[in-house]
């Protein structure tokens, strides 16, 4: 389980099934390793990977919302 302290209260966290990842494709192992690596969690001089993904997710959701508003307004 990977928990970010500000999101724990919202019930948000990443849960990894290590055994299942190891039993499946190498890609699953690489993804887990990427998310729990030192470079992702505590990079030197760069933003934390999880923060970057979260920010991009919010921007994408906002863009989709704006597109839907525009499309609805045209009706």
N, C-alpha and C. Protein backbone atom coordinates (compact mmCIF):
# COMPACT_ATOMS: atom_id res chain seq x y z
N UNK A 1 0.85 -1.16 0.00
CA UNK A 1 0.00 0.00 0.00
C UNK A 1 0.90 1.23 0.00
N UNK A 2 0.56 2.18 -0.83
CA UNK A 2 1.29 3.44 -0.89
C UNK A 2 0.30 4.54 -0.54
N UNK A 3 0.61 5.29 0.51
CA UNK A 3 -0.31 6.28 1.03
C UNK A 3 0.32 7.66 0.99
N UNK A 4 -0.43 8.64 0.55
CA UNK A 4 -0.01 10.03 0.60
C UNK A 4 -0.80 10.66 1.73
N UNK A 5 -0.11 11.27 2.68
CA UNK A 5 -0.74 11.69 3.93
C UNK A 5 -1.94 12.61 3.76
N UNK A 6 -1.94 13.45 2.74
CA UNK A 6 -3.06 14.37 2.56
C UNK A 6 -4.28 13.69 1.94
N UNK A 7 -4.06 12.56 1.29
CA UNK A 7 -5.17 11.87 0.63
C UNK A 7 -5.72 10.70 1.45
N UNK A 8 -5.00 10.30 2.48
CA UNK A 8 -5.43 9.18 3.30
C UNK A 8 -6.82 9.44 3.89
N UNK A 9 -7.06 10.64 4.36
CA UNK A 9 -8.35 10.99 4.95
C UNK A 9 -9.49 10.92 3.96
N UNK A 10 -9.18 10.99 2.67
CA UNK A 10 -10.18 10.90 1.62
C UNK A 10 -10.37 9.45 1.16
N UNK A 11 -9.61 8.55 1.78
CA UNK A 11 -9.70 7.14 1.41
C UNK A 11 -8.99 6.84 0.11
N UNK A 12 -8.01 7.67 -0.26
CA UNK A 12 -7.28 7.47 -1.52
C UNK A 12 -5.89 6.93 -1.22
N UNK A 13 -5.54 5.85 -1.91
CA UNK A 13 -4.22 5.24 -1.77
C UNK A 13 -4.03 4.26 -2.93
N UNK A 14 -2.80 3.84 -3.13
CA UNK A 14 -2.50 2.82 -4.13
C UNK A 14 -2.26 1.51 -3.41
N UNK A 15 -2.91 0.48 -3.86
CA UNK A 15 -2.76 -0.84 -3.27
C UNK A 15 -2.19 -1.77 -4.33
N UNK A 16 -1.06 -2.38 -4.02
CA UNK A 16 -0.39 -3.27 -4.95
C UNK A 16 -0.50 -4.71 -4.47
N UNK A 17 -0.80 -5.61 -5.38
CA UNK A 17 -0.80 -7.04 -5.09
C UNK A 17 0.51 -7.58 -5.66
N UNK A 18 1.55 -7.59 -4.82
CA UNK A 18 2.89 -7.97 -5.27
C UNK A 18 2.92 -9.40 -5.80
N UNK A 19 2.27 -10.31 -5.10
CA UNK A 19 2.26 -11.71 -5.56
C UNK A 19 1.65 -11.83 -6.95
N UNK A 20 0.55 -11.15 -7.16
CA UNK A 20 -0.11 -11.21 -8.47
C UNK A 20 0.77 -10.57 -9.53
N UNK A 21 1.40 -9.46 -9.20
CA UNK A 21 2.29 -8.79 -10.16
C UNK A 21 3.44 -9.71 -10.56
N UNK A 22 4.00 -10.41 -9.59
CA UNK A 22 5.11 -11.31 -9.88
C UNK A 22 4.67 -12.52 -10.70
N UNK A 23 3.42 -12.92 -10.53
CA UNK A 23 2.90 -14.07 -11.27
C UNK A 23 2.46 -13.72 -12.69
N UNK A 24 2.35 -12.42 -12.97
CA UNK A 24 1.88 -12.00 -14.29
C UNK A 24 3.05 -11.52 -15.13
N UNK A 25 2.74 -10.70 -16.07
CA UNK A 25 3.77 -10.20 -17.00
C UNK A 25 4.81 -9.33 -16.32
N UNK A 26 5.94 -9.21 -16.96
CA UNK A 26 7.01 -8.34 -16.47
C UNK A 26 6.56 -6.89 -16.42
N UNK A 27 5.65 -6.52 -17.29
CA UNK A 27 5.16 -5.14 -17.31
C UNK A 27 4.53 -4.75 -15.97
N UNK A 28 3.80 -5.66 -15.36
CA UNK A 28 3.19 -5.38 -14.06
C UNK A 28 4.26 -5.14 -13.00
N UNK A 29 5.31 -5.92 -13.03
CA UNK A 29 6.41 -5.75 -12.08
C UNK A 29 7.08 -4.40 -12.29
N UNK A 30 7.29 -4.03 -13.55
CA UNK A 30 7.91 -2.73 -13.85
C UNK A 30 7.04 -1.57 -13.37
N UNK A 31 5.73 -1.68 -13.54
CA UNK A 31 4.84 -0.62 -13.09
C UNK A 31 4.88 -0.45 -11.57
N UNK A 32 4.82 -1.56 -10.85
CA UNK A 32 4.91 -1.50 -9.39
C UNK A 32 6.24 -0.89 -8.97
N UNK A 33 7.31 -1.35 -9.58
CA UNK A 33 8.64 -0.84 -9.24
C UNK A 33 8.73 0.66 -9.53
N UNK A 34 8.12 1.11 -10.60
CA UNK A 34 8.14 2.53 -10.93
C UNK A 34 7.45 3.36 -9.86
N UNK A 35 6.32 2.91 -9.40
CA UNK A 35 5.54 3.67 -8.42
C UNK A 35 6.16 3.67 -7.03
N UNK A 36 6.93 2.66 -6.69
CA UNK A 36 7.48 2.60 -5.32
C UNK A 36 8.99 2.84 -5.29
N UNK A 37 9.55 3.25 -6.42
CA UNK A 37 11.00 3.49 -6.46
C UNK A 37 11.37 4.78 -5.73
N UNK A 38 12.61 4.88 -5.33
CA UNK A 38 13.11 6.09 -4.68
C UNK A 38 12.97 7.29 -5.61
N UNK A 39 13.25 7.08 -6.90
CA UNK A 39 13.15 8.18 -7.86
C UNK A 39 11.73 8.72 -7.98
N UNK A 40 10.74 7.87 -7.79
CA UNK A 40 9.35 8.31 -7.86
C UNK A 40 8.91 8.99 -6.57
N UNK A 41 9.34 8.44 -5.43
CA UNK A 41 8.88 8.93 -4.14
C UNK A 41 9.71 10.07 -3.57
N UNK A 42 11.00 10.10 -3.87
CA UNK A 42 11.88 11.13 -3.31
C UNK A 42 12.96 11.52 -4.31
N UNK A 43 12.54 12.09 -5.44
CA UNK A 43 13.52 12.43 -6.46
C UNK A 43 14.39 13.62 -6.03
N UNK A 44 15.58 13.65 -6.53
CA UNK A 44 16.47 14.76 -6.22
C UNK A 44 16.24 15.88 -7.24
N UNK A 45 15.76 17.02 -6.76
CA UNK A 45 15.59 18.18 -7.61
C UNK A 45 14.46 18.11 -8.61
N UNK A 46 13.52 17.22 -8.42
CA UNK A 46 12.39 17.10 -9.35
C UNK A 46 11.11 16.88 -8.55
N UNK A 47 10.00 17.02 -9.24
CA UNK A 47 8.71 16.80 -8.60
C UNK A 47 8.47 15.31 -8.40
N UNK A 48 7.76 14.97 -7.37
CA UNK A 48 7.40 13.58 -7.08
C UNK A 48 6.48 13.07 -8.20
N UNK A 49 6.76 11.87 -8.69
CA UNK A 49 6.01 11.30 -9.80
C UNK A 49 4.50 11.32 -9.53
N UNK A 50 4.10 10.95 -8.34
CA UNK A 50 2.68 10.88 -8.01
C UNK A 50 2.02 12.25 -8.08
N UNK A 51 2.75 13.29 -7.68
CA UNK A 51 2.22 14.65 -7.78
C UNK A 51 2.06 15.07 -9.24
N UNK A 52 3.02 14.69 -10.08
CA UNK A 52 2.94 15.00 -11.50
C UNK A 52 1.72 14.33 -12.13
N UNK A 53 1.52 13.07 -11.81
CA UNK A 53 0.38 12.33 -12.35
C UNK A 53 -0.93 12.93 -11.86
N UNK A 54 -0.98 13.28 -10.59
CA UNK A 54 -2.19 13.87 -10.01
C UNK A 54 -2.52 15.20 -10.69
N UNK A 55 -1.51 16.03 -10.89
CA UNK A 55 -1.72 17.33 -11.53
C UNK A 55 -2.22 17.16 -12.96
N UNK A 56 -1.61 16.24 -13.72
CA UNK A 56 -2.05 15.99 -15.09
C UNK A 56 -3.47 15.45 -15.13
N UNK A 57 -3.80 14.64 -14.15
CA UNK A 57 -5.15 14.08 -14.08
C UNK A 57 -6.19 15.18 -13.87
N UNK A 58 -5.89 16.12 -12.96
CA UNK A 58 -6.81 17.23 -12.71
C UNK A 58 -6.96 18.12 -13.94
N UNK A 59 -5.84 18.39 -14.63
CA UNK A 59 -5.89 19.21 -15.84
C UNK A 59 -6.72 18.53 -16.92
N UNK A 60 -6.53 17.23 -17.06
CA UNK A 60 -7.29 16.49 -18.06
C UNK A 60 -8.79 16.50 -17.72
N UNK A 61 -9.11 16.27 -16.46
CA UNK A 61 -10.52 16.26 -16.05
C UNK A 61 -11.15 17.63 -16.28
N UNK A 62 -10.41 18.70 -16.01
CA UNK A 62 -10.92 20.05 -16.23
C UNK A 62 -11.16 20.28 -17.72
N UNK A 63 -10.22 19.85 -18.56
CA UNK A 63 -10.36 20.02 -20.00
C UNK A 63 -11.57 19.25 -20.52
N UNK A 64 -11.77 18.05 -20.03
CA UNK A 64 -12.93 17.25 -20.46
C UNK A 64 -14.22 17.96 -20.02
N UNK A 65 -14.25 18.48 -18.81
CA UNK A 65 -15.43 19.19 -18.33
C UNK A 65 -15.74 20.40 -19.20
N UNK A 66 -14.70 21.14 -19.56
CA UNK A 66 -14.89 22.31 -20.42
C UNK A 66 -15.40 21.89 -21.79
N UNK A 67 -14.88 20.81 -22.33
CA UNK A 67 -15.34 20.32 -23.63
C UNK A 67 -16.81 19.91 -23.56
N UNK A 68 -17.19 19.27 -22.48
CA UNK A 68 -18.58 18.86 -22.33
C UNK A 68 -19.51 20.07 -22.18
N UNK A 69 -19.07 21.08 -21.45
CA UNK A 69 -19.87 22.30 -21.31
C UNK A 69 -20.05 22.98 -22.65
N UNK A 70 -18.99 23.04 -23.42
CA UNK A 70 -19.06 23.67 -24.74
C UNK A 70 -19.99 22.89 -25.65
N UNK A 71 -19.86 21.60 -25.66
CA UNK A 71 -20.71 20.76 -26.51
C UNK A 71 -22.17 20.88 -26.10
N UNK A 72 -22.44 20.93 -24.79
CA UNK A 72 -23.81 21.05 -24.31
C UNK A 72 -24.40 22.42 -24.65
N UNK A 73 -23.58 23.46 -24.58
CA UNK A 73 -24.04 24.81 -24.87
C UNK A 73 -24.41 24.96 -26.35
N UNK A 74 -23.76 24.19 -27.20
CA UNK A 74 -24.04 24.26 -28.64
C UNK A 74 -25.37 23.63 -29.00
N UNK A 75 -25.90 22.79 -28.15
CA UNK A 75 -27.15 22.08 -28.44
C UNK A 75 -28.25 23.02 -28.46
